[in-house]
Amino acid sequence: MILRTALVFAMASLIVAPSPGQTGGCGATAPEADAADTCLTVGSWECVRAQQRGELDAGEEVLQACVDEVADACATAMWPLECQPYPLQREVDACVEELMRADRLDTPSSEIPECDFCP
């Protein structure tokens, strides 16, 4: 009886386990980051960082004006062809996390390795 139960559990683990190479992925590929969204997100954080460094006047209107300029500039952004493979959304998320860090406030985004999407 115990042997039969162990055999059933062993067979069940083979049936429900992911196929080789798909561990944790469930067959899905990581999504590419949208260039316009990435441009807007990173650019908006650059506005916040500039304000925190004192490069922009304090106030919500000044910050909103900066973000509006970024939005206009990023509306038609596309990844350059030489950037293939295009960055994944998780890479953009890693960049944003670095931009949000207070200890990285004085580090230009061009010097943050996580924000180099097209090496």
PDB file of N, CA and C in Angstrom:
ATOM      1  N   MET A   1       0.810  -1.183   0.000  1.00  0.00           N
ATOM      2  CA  MET A   1       0.000   0.000   0.000  1.00  0.00           C
ATOM      3  C   MET A   1       0.863   1.261   0.000  1.00  0.00           C
ATOM      4  N   ILE A   2       1.893   1.293   0.845  1.00  0.00           N
ATOM      5  CA  ILE A   2       2.775   2.455   0.928  1.00  0.00           C
ATOM      6  C   ILE A   2       3.545   2.613  -0.378  1.00  0.00           C
ATOM      7  N   LEU A   3       3.977   1.500  -0.952  1.00  0.00           N
ATOM      8  CA  LEU A   3       4.706   1.542  -2.223  1.00  0.00           C
ATOM      9  C   LEU A   3       3.810   2.100  -3.327  1.00  0.00           C
ATOM     10  N   ARG A   4       2.548   1.677  -3.351  1.00  0.00           N
ATOM     11  CA  ARG A   4       1.605   2.161  -4.366  1.00  0.00           C
ATOM     12  C   ARG A   4       1.372   3.670  -4.202  1.00  0.00           C
ATOM     13  N   THR A   5       1.210   4.134  -2.977  1.00  0.00           N
ATOM     14  CA  THR A   5       1.014   5.562  -2.722  1.00  0.00           C
ATOM     15  C   THR A   5       2.236   6.356  -3.152  1.00  0.00           C
ATOM     16  N   ALA A   6       3.426   5.868  -2.850  1.00  0.00           N
ATOM     17  CA  ALA A   6       4.663   6.553  -3.252  1.00  0.00           C
ATOM     18  C   ALA A   6       4.768   6.606  -4.772  1.00  0.00           C
ATOM     19  N   LEU A   7       4.381   5.511  -5.440  1.00  0.00           N
ATOM     20  CA  LEU A   7       4.423   5.466  -6.895  1.00  0.00           C
ATOM     21  C   LEU A   7       3.431   6.466  -7.504  1.00  0.00           C
ATOM     22  N   VAL A   8       2.250   6.583  -6.918  1.00  0.00           N
ATOM     23  CA  VAL A   8       1.250   7.547  -7.402  1.00  0.00           C
ATOM     24  C   VAL A   8       1.779   8.969  -7.255  1.00  0.00           C
ATOM     25  N   PHE A   9       2.381   9.285  -6.114  1.00  0.00           N
ATOM     26  CA  PHE A   9       2.936  10.626  -5.922  1.00  0.00           C
ATOM     27  C   PHE A   9       4.094  10.889  -6.879  1.00  0.00           C
ATOM     28  N   ALA A  10       4.921   9.905  -7.131  1.00  0.00           N
ATOM     29  CA  ALA A  10       6.034  10.070  -8.068  1.00  0.00           C
ATOM     30  C   ALA A  10       5.515  10.329  -9.483  1.00  0.00           C
ATOM     31  N   MET A  11       4.504   9.606  -9.906  1.00  0.00           N
ATOM     32  CA  MET A  11       3.929   9.801 -11.232  1.00  0.00           C
ATOM     33  C   MET A  11       3.244  11.163 -11.327  1.00  0.00           C
ATOM     34  N   ALA A  12       2.569  11.565 -10.263  1.00  0.00           N
ATOM     35  CA  ALA A  12       1.880  12.856 -10.266  1.00  0.00           C
ATOM     36  C   ALA A  12       2.880  14.004 -10.389  1.00  0.00           C
ATOM     37  N   SER A  13       4.036  13.865  -9.728  1.00  0.00           N
ATOM     38  CA  SER A  13       5.030  14.939  -9.819  1.00  0.00           C
ATOM     39  C   SER A  13       5.595  15.046 -11.224  1.00  0.00           C
ATOM     40  N   LEU A  14       5.681  13.956 -11.947  1.00  0.00           N
ATOM     41  CA  LEU A  14       6.149  14.001 -13.334  1.00  0.00           C
ATOM     42  C   LEU A  14       5.105  14.616 -14.256  1.00  0.00           C
ATOM     43  N   ILE A  15       3.860  14.392 -13.950  1.00  0.00           N
ATOM     44  CA  ILE A  15       2.775  14.892 -14.801  1.00  0.00           C
ATOM     45  C   ILE A  15       2.606  16.403 -14.636  1.00  0.00           C
ATOM     46  N   VAL A  16       2.692  16.920 -13.406  1.00  0.00           N
ATOM     47  CA  VAL A  16       2.425  18.331 -13.167  1.00  0.00           C
ATOM     48  C   VAL A  16       3.672  19.206 -13.221  1.00  0.00           C
ATOM     49  N   ALA A  17       4.841  18.638 -13.336  1.00  0.00           N
ATOM     50  CA  ALA A  17       6.066  19.421 -13.371  1.00  0.00           C
ATOM     51  C   ALA A  17       6.202  20.143 -14.715  1.00  0.00           C
ATOM     52  N   PRO A  18       6.831  21.313 -14.707  1.00  0.00           N
ATOM     53  CA  PRO A  18       7.037  22.019 -15.974  1.00  0.00           C
ATOM     54  C   PRO A  18       8.022  21.272 -16.862  1.00  0.00           C
ATOM     55  N   SER A  19       7.915  21.508 -18.141  1.00  0.00           N
ATOM     56  CA  SER A  19       8.830  20.853 -19.058  1.00  0.00           C
ATOM     57  C   SER A  19      10.226  21.446 -18.897  1.00  0.00           C
ATOM     58  N   PRO A  20      11.260  20.716 -19.288  1.00  0.00           N
ATOM     59  CA  PRO A  20      12.630  21.221 -19.143  1.00  0.00           C
ATOM     60  C   PRO A  20      12.784  22.581 -19.836  1.00  0.00           C
ATOM     61  N   GLY A  21      13.443  23.492 -19.137  1.00  0.00           N
ATOM     62  CA  GLY A  21      13.661  24.819 -19.684  1.00  0.00           C
ATOM     63  C   GLY A  21      12.524  25.785 -19.420  1.00  0.00           C
ATOM     64  N   GLN A  22      11.423  25.322 -18.869  1.00  0.00           N
ATOM     65  CA  GLN A  22      10.262  26.170 -18.625  1.00  0.00           C
ATOM     66  C   GLN A  22      10.010  26.366 -17.135  1.00  0.00           C
ATOM     67  N   THR A  23      10.977  26.044 -16.302  1.00  0.00           N
ATOM     68  CA  THR A  23      10.784  26.143 -14.869  1.00  0.00           C
ATOM     69  C   THR A  23      10.406  27.553 -14.470  1.00  0.00           C
ATOM     70  N   GLY A  24       9.268  27.704 -13.868  1.00  0.00           N
ATOM     71  CA  GLY A  24       8.799  28.988 -13.394  1.00  0.00           C
ATOM     72  C   GLY A  24       8.216  29.870 -14.469  1.00  0.00           C
ATOM     73  N   GLY A  25       8.304  29.474 -15.706  1.00  0.00           N
ATOM     74  CA  GLY A  25       7.853  30.338 -16.770  1.00  0.00           C
ATOM     75  C   GLY A  25       6.483  30.012 -17.290  1.00  0.00           C
ATOM     76  N   CYS A  26       6.022  28.815 -17.057  1.00  0.00           N
ATOM     77  CA  CYS A  26       4.721  28.366 -17.543  1.00  0.00           C
ATOM     78  C   CYS A  26       4.592  28.578 -19.044  1.00  0.00           C
ATOM     79  N   GLY A  27       5.712  28.540 -19.749  1.00  0.00           N
ATOM     80  CA  GLY A  27       5.702  28.669 -21.201  1.00  0.00           C
ATOM     81  C   GLY A  27       5.622  30.083 -21.700  1.00  0.00           C
ATOM     82  N   ALA A  28       5.511  31.065 -20.812  1.00  0.00           N
ATOM     83  CA  ALA A  28       5.386  32.464 -21.219  1.00  0.00           C
ATOM     84  C   ALA A  28       6.764  33.094 -21.349  1.00  0.00           C
ATOM     85  N   THR A  29       6.905  33.973 -22.312  1.00  0.00           N
ATOM     86  CA  THR A  29       8.154  34.707 -22.461  1.00  0.00           C
ATOM     87  C   THR A  29       8.011  36.058 -21.783  1.00  0.00           C
ATOM     88  N   ALA A  30       9.128  36.614 -21.369  1.00  0.00           N
ATOM     89  CA  ALA A  30       9.107  37.923 -20.708  1.00  0.00           C
ATOM     90  C   ALA A  30       8.733  38.986 -21.740  1.00  0.00           C
ATOM     91  N   PRO A  31       7.861  39.903 -21.369  1.00  0.00           N
ATOM     92  CA  PRO A  31       7.424  40.918 -22.329  1.00  0.00           C
ATOM     93  C   PRO A  31       8.500  41.966 -22.600  1.00  0.00           C
ATOM     94  N   GLU A  32       8.576  42.390 -23.870  1.00  0.00           N
ATOM     95  CA  GLU A  32       9.468  43.487 -24.229  1.00  0.00           C
ATOM     96  C   GLU A  32       8.888  44.781 -23.672  1.00  0.00           C
ATOM     97  N   ALA A  33       9.763  45.691 -23.334  1.00  0.00           N
ATOM     98  CA  ALA A  33       9.323  46.994 -22.849  1.00  0.00           C
ATOM     99  C   ALA A  33       8.900  47.859 -24.033  1.00  0.00           C
ATOM    100  N   ASP A  34       7.854  48.607 -23.847  1.00  0.00           N
ATOM    101  CA  ASP A  34       7.401  49.549 -24.858  1.00  0.00           C
ATOM    102  C   ASP A  34       8.315  50.773 -24.798  1.00  0.00           C
ATOM    103  N   ALA A  35       8.849  51.189 -25.950  1.00  0.00           N
ATOM    104  CA  ALA A  35       9.813  52.291 -25.985  1.00  0.00           C
ATOM    105  C   ALA A  35       9.205  53.601 -25.497  1.00  0.00           C
ATOM    106  N   ALA A  36       8.000  53.921 -25.933  1.00  0.00           N
ATOM    107  CA  ALA A  36       7.368  55.180 -25.534  1.00  0.00           C
ATOM    108  C   ALA A  36       7.068  55.186 -24.036  1.00  0.00           C
ATOM    109  N   ASP A  37       6.573  54.074 -23.509  1.00  0.00           N
ATOM    110  CA  ASP A  37       6.292  53.990 -22.073  1.00  0.00           C
ATOM    111  C   ASP A  37       7.583  54.088 -21.261  1.00  0.00           C
ATOM    112  N   THR A  38       8.633  53.430 -21.753  1.00  0.00           N
ATOM    113  CA  THR A  38       9.918  53.475 -21.063  1.00  0.00           C
ATOM    114  C   THR A  38      10.466  54.896 -21.058  1.00  0.00           C
ATOM    115  N   CYS A  39      10.407  55.557 -22.195  1.00  0.00           N
ATOM    116  CA  CYS A  39      10.864  56.939 -22.313  1.00  0.00           C
ATOM    117  C   CYS A  39      10.115  57.831 -21.328  1.00  0.00           C
ATOM    118  N   LEU A  40       8.809  57.682 -21.260  1.00  0.00           N
ATOM    119  CA  LEU A  40       7.993  58.500 -20.365  1.00  0.00           C
ATOM    120  C   LEU A  40       8.302  58.209 -18.900  1.00  0.00           C
ATOM    121  N   THR A  41       8.413  56.945 -18.558  1.00  0.00           N
ATOM    122  CA  THR A  41       8.669  56.571 -17.163  1.00  0.00           C
ATOM    123  C   THR A  41      10.034  57.058 -16.703  1.00  0.00           C
ATOM    124  N   VAL A  42      11.062  56.751 -17.481  1.00  0.00           N
ATOM    125  CA  VAL A  42      12.420  57.155 -17.107  1.00  0.00           C
ATOM    126  C   VAL A  42      12.537  58.677 -17.127  1.00  0.00           C
ATOM    127  N   GLY A  43      11.977  59.316 -18.147  1.00  0.00           N
ATOM    128  CA  GLY A  43      12.031  60.772 -18.224  1.00  0.00           C
ATOM    129  C   GLY A  43      11.308  61.450 -17.073  1.00  0.00           C
ATOM    130  N   SER A  44      10.189  60.897 -16.670  1.00  0.00           N
ATOM    131  CA  SER A  44       9.447  61.463 -15.538  1.00  0.00           C
ATOM    132  C   SER A  44      10.258  61.359 -14.255  1.00  0.00           C
ATOM    133  N   TRP A  45      10.937  60.230 -14.080  1.00  0.00           N
ATOM    134  CA  TRP A  45      11.782  60.087 -12.892  1.00  0.00           C
ATOM    135  C   TRP A  45      12.966  61.034 -12.967  1.00  0.00           C
ATOM    136  N   GLU A  46      13.443  61.333 -14.166  1.00  0.00           N
ATOM    137  CA  GLU A  46      14.517  62.317 -14.307  1.00  0.00           C
ATOM    138  C   GLU A  46      14.034  63.690 -13.862  1.00  0.00           C
ATOM    139  N   CYS A  47      12.784  64.030 -14.151  1.00  0.00           N
ATOM    140  CA  CYS A  47      12.214  65.297 -13.686  1.00  0.00           C
ATOM    141  C   CYS A  47      12.162  65.340 -12.159  1.00  0.00           C
ATOM    142  N   VAL A  48      11.701  64.256 -11.552  1.00  0.00           N
ATOM    143  CA  VAL A  48      11.619  64.182 -10.084  1.00  0.00           C
ATOM    144  C   VAL A  48      13.011  64.310  -9.486  1.00  0.00           C
ATOM    145  N   ARG A  49      13.953  63.606 -10.061  1.00  0.00           N
ATOM    146  CA  ARG A  49      15.329  63.660  -9.543  1.00  0.00           C
ATOM    147  C   ARG A  49      15.916  65.058  -9.685  1.00  0.00           C
ATOM    148  N   ALA A  50      15.655  65.711 -10.816  1.00  0.00           N
ATOM    149  CA  ALA A  50      16.161  67.071 -11.022  1.00  0.00           C
ATOM    150  C   ALA A  50      15.567  68.021  -9.989  1.00  0.00           C
ATOM    151  N   GLN A  51      14.295  67.855  -9.692  1.00  0.00           N
ATOM    152  CA  GLN A  51      13.666  68.705  -8.682  1.00  0.00           C
ATOM    153  C   GLN A  51      14.261  68.434  -7.305  1.00  0.00           C
ATOM    154  N   GLN A  52      14.508  67.185  -6.993  1.00  0.00           N
ATOM    155  CA  GLN A  52      15.079  66.846  -5.687  1.00  0.00           C
ATOM    156  C   GLN A  52      16.509  67.358  -5.550  1.00  0.00           C
ATOM    157  N   ARG A  53      17.232  67.457  -6.661  1.00  0.00           N
ATOM    158  CA  ARG A  53      18.594  67.997  -6.636  1.00  0.00           C
ATOM    159  C   ARG A  53      18.592  69.527  -6.624  1.00  0.00           C
ATOM    160  N   GLY A  54      17.432  70.138  -6.778  1.00  0.00           N
ATOM    161  CA  GLY A  54      17.338  71.588  -6.783  1.00  0.00           C
ATOM    162  C   GLY A  54      17.545  72.204  -8.155  1.00  0.00           C
ATOM    163  N   GLU A  55      17.584  71.393  -9.207  1.00  0.00           N
ATOM    164  CA  GLU A  55      17.763  71.895 -10.566  1.00  0.00           C
ATOM    165  C   GLU A  55      16.465  72.458 -11.139  1.00  0.00           C
ATOM    166  N   LEU A  56      15.340  72.053 -10.570  1.00  0.00           N
ATOM    167  CA  LEU A  56      14.023  72.601 -10.921  1.00  0.00           C
ATOM    168  C   LEU A  56      13.451  73.264  -9.683  1.00  0.00           C
ATOM    169  N   ASP A  57      12.718  74.339  -9.881  1.00  0.00           N
ATOM    170  CA  ASP A  57      12.063  74.991  -8.752  1.00  0.00           C
ATOM    171  C   ASP A  57      11.086  74.012  -8.096  1.00  0.00           C
ATOM    172  N   ALA A  58      10.894  74.215  -6.804  1.00  0.00           N
ATOM    173  CA  ALA A  58       9.925  73.391  -6.087  1.00  0.00           C
ATOM    174  C   ALA A  58       8.528  73.762  -6.563  1.00  0.00           C
ATOM    175  N   GLY A  59       7.648  72.839  -6.435  1.00  0.00           N
ATOM    176  CA  GLY A  59       6.259  73.094  -6.803  1.00  0.00           C
ATOM    177  C   GLY A  59       5.763  72.079  -7.806  1.00  0.00           C
ATOM    178  N   GLU A  60       4.501  71.745  -7.629  1.00  0.00           N
ATOM    179  CA  GLU A  60       3.880  70.726  -8.466  1.00  0.00           C
ATOM    180  C   GLU A  60       3.754  71.176  -9.912  1.00  0.00           C
ATOM    181  N   GLU A  61       3.512  72.482 -10.147  1.00  0.00           N
ATOM    182  CA  GLU A  61       3.337  72.973 -11.515  1.00  0.00           C
ATOM    183  C   GLU A  61       4.626  72.840 -12.321  1.00  0.00           C
ATOM    184  N   VAL A  62       5.756  73.131 -11.680  1.00  0.00           N
ATOM    185  CA  VAL A  62       7.054  73.036 -12.361  1.00  0.00           C
ATOM    186  C   VAL A  62       7.338  71.580 -12.717  1.00  0.00           C
ATOM    187  N   LEU A  63       7.093  70.688 -11.776  1.00  0.00           N
ATOM    188  CA  LEU A  63       7.301  69.268 -12.028  1.00  0.00           C
ATOM    189  C   LEU A  63       6.375  68.780 -13.139  1.00  0.00           C
ATOM    190  N   GLN A  64       5.114  69.202 -13.103  1.00  0.00           N
ATOM    191  CA  GLN A  64       4.157  68.783 -14.131  1.00  0.00           C
ATOM    192  C   GLN A  64       4.572  69.301 -15.502  1.00  0.00           C
ATOM    193  N   ALA A  65       5.098  70.508 -15.563  1.00  0.00           N
ATOM    194  CA  ALA A  65       5.563  71.059 -16.846  1.00  0.00           C
ATOM    195  C   ALA A  65       6.709  70.234 -17.402  1.00  0.00           C
ATOM    196  N   CYS A  66       7.606  69.805 -16.534  1.00  0.00           N
ATOM    197  CA  CYS A  66       8.726  68.955 -16.967  1.00  0.00           C
ATOM    198  C   CYS A  66       8.212  67.622 -17.497  1.00  0.00           C
ATOM    199  N   VAL A  67       7.297  67.011 -16.769  1.00  0.00           N
ATOM    200  CA  VAL A  67       6.732  65.721 -17.189  1.00  0.00           C
ATOM    201  C   VAL A  67       5.956  65.879 -18.496  1.00  0.00           C
ATOM    202  N   ASP A  68       5.254  66.992 -18.660  1.00  0.00           N
ATOM    203  CA  ASP A  68       4.532  67.243 -19.913  1.00  0.00           C
ATOM    204  C   ASP A  68       5.494  67.343 -21.096  1.00  0.00           C
ATOM    205  N   GLU A  69       6.634  67.998 -20.894  1.00  0.00           N
ATOM    206  CA  GLU A  69       7.649  68.082 -21.948  1.00  0.00           C
ATOM    207  C   GLU A  69       8.169  66.696 -22.305  1.00  0.00           C
ATOM    208  N   VAL A  70       8.401  65.894 -21.279  1.00  0.00           N
ATOM    209  CA  VAL A  70       8.868  64.518 -21.497  1.00  0.00           C
ATOM    210  C   VAL A  70       7.816  63.734 -22.283  1.00  0.00           C
ATOM    211  N   ALA A  71       6.557  63.874 -21.909  1.00  0.00           N
ATOM    212  CA  ALA A  71       5.478  63.146 -22.583  1.00  0.00           C
ATOM    213  C   ALA A  71       5.413  63.516 -24.059  1.00  0.00           C
ATOM    214  N   ASP A  72       5.558  64.810 -24.362  1.00  0.00           N
ATOM    215  CA  ASP A  72       5.547  65.241 -25.760  1.00  0.00           C
ATOM    216  C   ASP A  72       6.730  64.639 -26.528  1.00  0.00           C
ATOM    217  N   ALA A  73       7.902  64.648 -25.896  1.00  0.00           N
ATOM    218  CA  ALA A  73       9.103  64.128 -26.549  1.00  0.00           C
ATOM    219  C   ALA A  73       9.054  62.606 -26.736  1.00  0.00           C
ATOM    220  N   CYS A  74       8.356  61.919 -25.851  1.00  0.00           N
ATOM    221  CA  CYS A  74       8.335  60.454 -25.871  1.00  0.00           C
ATOM    222  C   CYS A  74       7.159  59.864 -26.642  1.00  0.00           C
ATOM    223  N   ALA A  75       6.263  60.683 -27.105  1.00  0.00           N
ATOM    224  CA  ALA A  75       5.025  60.186 -27.722  1.00  0.00           C
ATOM    225  C   ALA A  75       5.278  59.218 -28.870  1.00  0.00           C
ATOM    226  N   THR A  76       6.306  59.444 -29.633  1.00  0.00           N
ATOM    227  CA  THR A  76       6.579  58.587 -30.797  1.00  0.00           C
ATOM    228  C   THR A  76       7.906  57.841 -30.662  1.00  0.00           C
ATOM    229  N   ALA A  77       8.391  57.686 -29.417  1.00  0.00           N
ATOM    230  CA  ALA A  77       9.679  57.019 -29.193  1.00  0.00           C
ATOM    231  C   ALA A  77       9.638  55.566 -29.670  1.00  0.00           C
ATOM    232  N   MET A  78      10.731  55.150 -30.269  1.00  0.00           N
ATOM    233  CA  MET A  78      10.899  53.761 -30.713  1.00  0.00           C
ATOM    234  C   MET A  78      12.312  53.326 -30.361  1.00  0.00           C
ATOM    235  N   TRP A  79      12.489  52.031 -30.143  1.00  0.00           N
ATOM    236  CA  TRP A  79      13.822  51.515 -29.876  1.00  0.00           C
ATOM    237  C   TRP A  79      14.641  51.578 -31.163  1.00  0.00           C
ATOM    238  N   PRO A  80      15.904  51.999 -31.080  1.00  0.00           N
ATOM    239  CA  PRO A  80      16.759  51.962 -32.268  1.00  0.00           C
ATOM    240  C   PRO A  80      16.965  50.511 -32.715  1.00  0.00           C
ATOM    241  N   LEU A  81      17.091  50.298 -34.003  1.00  0.00           N
ATOM    242  CA  LEU A  81      17.261  48.934 -34.521  1.00  0.00           C
ATOM    243  C   LEU A  81      18.478  48.245 -33.925  1.00  0.00           C
ATOM    244  N   GLU A  82      19.534  49.018 -33.635  1.00  0.00           N
ATOM    245  CA  GLU A  82      20.752  48.400 -33.102  1.00  0.00           C
ATOM    246  C   GLU A  82      20.604  47.961 -31.647  1.00  0.00           C
ATOM    247  N   CYS A  83      19.470  48.220 -31.042  1.00  0.00           N
ATOM    248  CA  CYS A  83      19.229  47.801 -29.662  1.00  0.00           C
ATOM    249  C   CYS A  83      18.675  46.376 -29.565  1.00  0.00           C
ATOM    250  N   GLN A  84      18.546  45.697 -30.646  1.00  0.00           N
ATOM    251  CA  GLN A  84      17.970  44.353 -30.601  1.00  0.00           C
ATOM    252  C   GLN A  84      18.936  43.407 -29.921  1.00  0.00           C
ATOM    253  N   PRO A  85      18.473  42.501 -29.093  1.00  0.00           N
ATOM    254  CA  PRO A  85      17.080  42.345 -28.696  1.00  0.00           C
ATOM    255  C   PRO A  85      16.656  43.519 -27.814  1.00  0.00           C
ATOM    256  N   TYR A  86      15.398  43.912 -27.981  1.00  0.00           N
ATOM    257  CA  TYR A  86      14.886  45.057 -27.251  1.00  0.00           C
ATOM    258  C   TYR A  86      14.803  44.752 -25.760  1.00  0.00           C
ATOM    259  N   PRO A  87      14.923  45.778 -24.926  1.00  0.00           N
ATOM    260  CA  PRO A  87      14.878  45.563 -23.477  1.00  0.00           C
ATOM    261  C   PRO A  87      13.557  44.949 -23.033  1.00  0.00           C
ATOM    262  N   LEU A  88      13.650  44.167 -21.988  1.00  0.00           N
ATOM    263  CA  LEU A  88      12.466  43.547 -21.396  1.00  0.00           C
ATOM    264  C   LEU A  88      11.908  44.471 -20.319  1.00  0.00           C
ATOM    265  N   GLN A  89      10.647  44.302 -20.021  1.00  0.00           N
ATOM    266  CA  GLN A  89      10.004  45.145 -19.014  1.00  0.00           C
ATOM    267  C   GLN A  89      10.698  45.024 -17.667  1.00  0.00           C
ATOM    268  N   ARG A  90      11.176  43.850 -17.321  1.00  0.00           N
ATOM    269  CA  ARG A  90      11.844  43.697 -16.022  1.00  0.00           C
ATOM    270  C   ARG A  90      13.149  44.500 -15.975  1.00  0.00           C
ATOM    271  N   GLU A  91      13.807  44.709 -17.133  1.00  0.00           N
ATOM    272  CA  GLU A  91      15.013  45.527 -17.174  1.00  0.00           C
ATOM    273  C   GLU A  91      14.663  47.004 -16.935  1.00  0.00           C
ATOM    274  N   VAL A  92      13.571  47.441 -17.519  1.00  0.00           N
ATOM    275  CA  VAL A  92      13.110  48.812 -17.295  1.00  0.00           C
ATOM    276  C   VAL A  92      12.731  48.993 -15.827  1.00  0.00           C
ATOM    277  N   ASP A  93      12.051  48.015 -15.260  1.00  0.00           N
ATOM    278  CA  ASP A  93      11.669  48.081 -13.851  1.00  0.00           C
ATOM    279  C   ASP A  93      12.905  48.186 -12.956  1.00  0.00           C
ATOM    280  N   ALA A  94      13.972  47.461 -13.302  1.00  0.00           N
ATOM    281  CA  ALA A  94      15.211  47.525 -12.526  1.00  0.00           C
ATOM    282  C   ALA A  94      15.828  48.919 -12.607  1.00  0.00           C
ATOM    283  N   CYS A  95      15.766  49.534 -13.778  1.00  0.00           N
ATOM    284  CA  CYS A  95      16.262  50.902 -13.948  1.00  0.00           C
ATOM    285  C   CYS A  95      15.474  51.867 -13.080  1.00  0.00           C
ATOM    286  N   VAL A  96      14.161  51.770 -13.129  1.00  0.00           N
ATOM    287  CA  VAL A  96      13.310  52.676 -12.347  1.00  0.00           C
ATOM    288  C   VAL A  96      13.598  52.523 -10.856  1.00  0.00           C
ATOM    289  N   GLU A  97      13.805  51.300 -10.410  1.00  0.00           N
ATOM    290  CA  GLU A  97      14.130  51.079  -8.998  1.00  0.00           C
ATOM    291  C   GLU A  97      15.418  51.805  -8.622  1.00  0.00           C
ATOM    292  N   GLU A  98      16.391  51.795  -9.519  1.00  0.00           N
ATOM    293  CA  GLU A  98      17.644  52.500  -9.262  1.00  0.00           C
ATOM    294  C   GLU A  98      17.447  54.012  -9.276  1.00  0.00           C
ATOM    295  N   LEU A  99      16.615  54.510 -10.183  1.00  0.00           N
ATOM    296  CA  LEU A  99      16.340  55.942 -10.253  1.00  0.00           C
ATOM    297  C   LEU A  99      15.618  56.435  -9.000  1.00  0.00           C
ATOM    298  N   MET A 100      14.853  55.575  -8.357  1.00  0.00           N
ATOM    299  CA  MET A 100      14.091  55.931  -7.170  1.00  0.00           C
ATOM    300  C   MET A 100      14.961  55.995  -5.908  1.00  0.00           C
ATOM    301  N   ARG A 101      16.123  55.388  -5.951  1.00  0.00           N
ATOM    302  CA  ARG A 101      16.969  55.310  -4.760  1.00  0.00           C
ATOM    303  C   ARG A 101      17.564  56.671  -4.408  1.00  0.00           C
ATOM    304  N   ALA A 102      17.457  57.053  -3.157  1.00  0.00           N
ATOM    305  CA  ALA A 102      17.990  58.338  -2.697  1.00  0.00           C
ATOM    306  C   ALA A 102      19.506  58.392  -2.822  1.00  0.00           C
ATOM    307  N   ASP A 103      20.177  57.263  -2.608  1.00  0.00           N
ATOM    308  CA  ASP A 103      21.635  57.265  -2.683  1.00  0.00           C
ATOM    309  C   ASP A 103      22.148  57.336  -4.127  1.00  0.00           C
ATOM    310  N   ARG A 104      21.255  57.252  -5.106  1.00  0.00           N
ATOM    311  CA  ARG A 104      21.626  57.382  -6.516  1.00  0.00           C
ATOM    312  C   ARG A 104      21.202  58.733  -7.094  1.00  0.00           C
ATOM    313  N   LEU A 105      20.730  59.629  -6.258  1.00  0.00           N
ATOM    314  CA  LEU A 105      20.183  60.899  -6.723  1.00  0.00           C
ATOM    315  C   LEU A 105      21.199  61.711  -7.525  1.00  0.00           C
ATOM    316  N   ASP A 106      22.442  61.709  -7.107  1.00  0.00           N
ATOM    317  CA  ASP A 106      23.467  62.490  -7.802  1.00  0.00           C
ATOM    318  C   ASP A 106      24.174  61.718  -8.910  1.00  0.00           C
ATOM    319  N   THR A 107      23.767  60.477  -9.129  1.00  0.00           N
ATOM    320  CA  THR A 107      24.353  59.673 -10.204  1.00  0.00           C
ATOM    321  C   THR A 107      23.528  59.866 -11.469  1.00  0.00           C
ATOM    322  N   PRO A 108      24.151  60.383 -12.540  1.00  0.00           N
ATOM    323  CA  PRO A 108      23.391  60.531 -13.795  1.00  0.00           C
ATOM    324  C   PRO A 108      22.880  59.165 -14.274  1.00  0.00           C
ATOM    325  N   SER A 109      21.698  59.166 -14.848  1.00  0.00           N
ATOM    326  CA  SER A 109      21.132  57.885 -15.304  1.00  0.00           C
ATOM    327  C   SER A 109      22.019  57.215 -16.339  1.00  0.00           C
ATOM    328  N   SER A 110      22.789  58.004 -17.078  1.00  0.00           N
ATOM    329  CA  SER A 110      23.702  57.421 -18.072  1.00  0.00           C
ATOM    330  C   SER A 110      24.823  56.613 -17.421  1.00  0.00           C
ATOM    331  N   GLU A 111      25.037  56.810 -16.122  1.00  0.00           N
ATOM    332  CA  GLU A 111      26.061  56.072 -15.394  1.00  0.00           C
ATOM    333  C   GLU A 111      25.483  54.941 -14.551  1.00  0.00           C
ATOM    334  N   ILE A 112      24.190  54.722 -14.638  1.00  0.00           N
ATOM    335  CA  ILE A 112      23.557  53.633 -13.897  1.00  0.00           C
ATOM    336  C   ILE A 112      23.439  52.449 -14.855  1.00  0.00           C
ATOM    337  N   PRO A 113      24.186  51.360 -14.594  1.00  0.00           N
ATOM    338  CA  PRO A 113      24.199  50.231 -15.538  1.00  0.00           C
ATOM    339  C   PRO A 113      22.829  49.658 -15.842  1.00  0.00           C
ATOM    340  N   GLU A 114      21.927  49.658 -14.866  1.00  0.00           N
ATOM    341  CA  GLU A 114      20.589  49.114 -15.084  1.00  0.00           C
ATOM    342  C   GLU A 114      19.784  49.947 -16.088  1.00  0.00           C
ATOM    343  N   CYS A 115      20.205  51.175 -16.326  1.00  0.00           N
ATOM    344  CA  CYS A 115      19.481  52.064 -17.242  1.00  0.00           C
ATOM    345  C   CYS A 115      20.120  52.126 -18.626  1.00  0.00           C
ATOM    346  N   ASP A 116      21.105  51.285 -18.866  1.00  0.00           N
ATOM    347  CA  ASP A 116      21.739  51.226 -20.183  1.00  0.00           C
ATOM    348  C   ASP A 116      21.023  50.151 -20.994  1.00  0.00           C
ATOM    349  N   PHE A 117      19.969  50.566 -21.690  1.00  0.00           N
ATOM    350  CA  PHE A 117      19.132  49.613 -22.411  1.00  0.00           C
ATOM    351  C   PHE A 117      19.699  49.215 -23.764  1.00  0.00           C
ATOM    352  N   CYS A 118      20.644  49.984 -24.242  1.00  0.00           N
ATOM    353  CA  CYS A 118      21.172  49.723 -25.582  1.00  0.00           C
ATOM    354  C   CYS A 118      22.700  49.779 -25.530  1.00  0.00           C
ATOM    355  N   PRO A 119      23.319  48.776 -24.877  1.00  0.00           N
ATOM    356  CA  PRO A 119      24.782  48.808 -24.715  1.00  0.00           C
ATOM    357  C   PRO A 119      25.524  48.644 -26.029  1.00  0.00           C
TER     358      PRO A 119
END
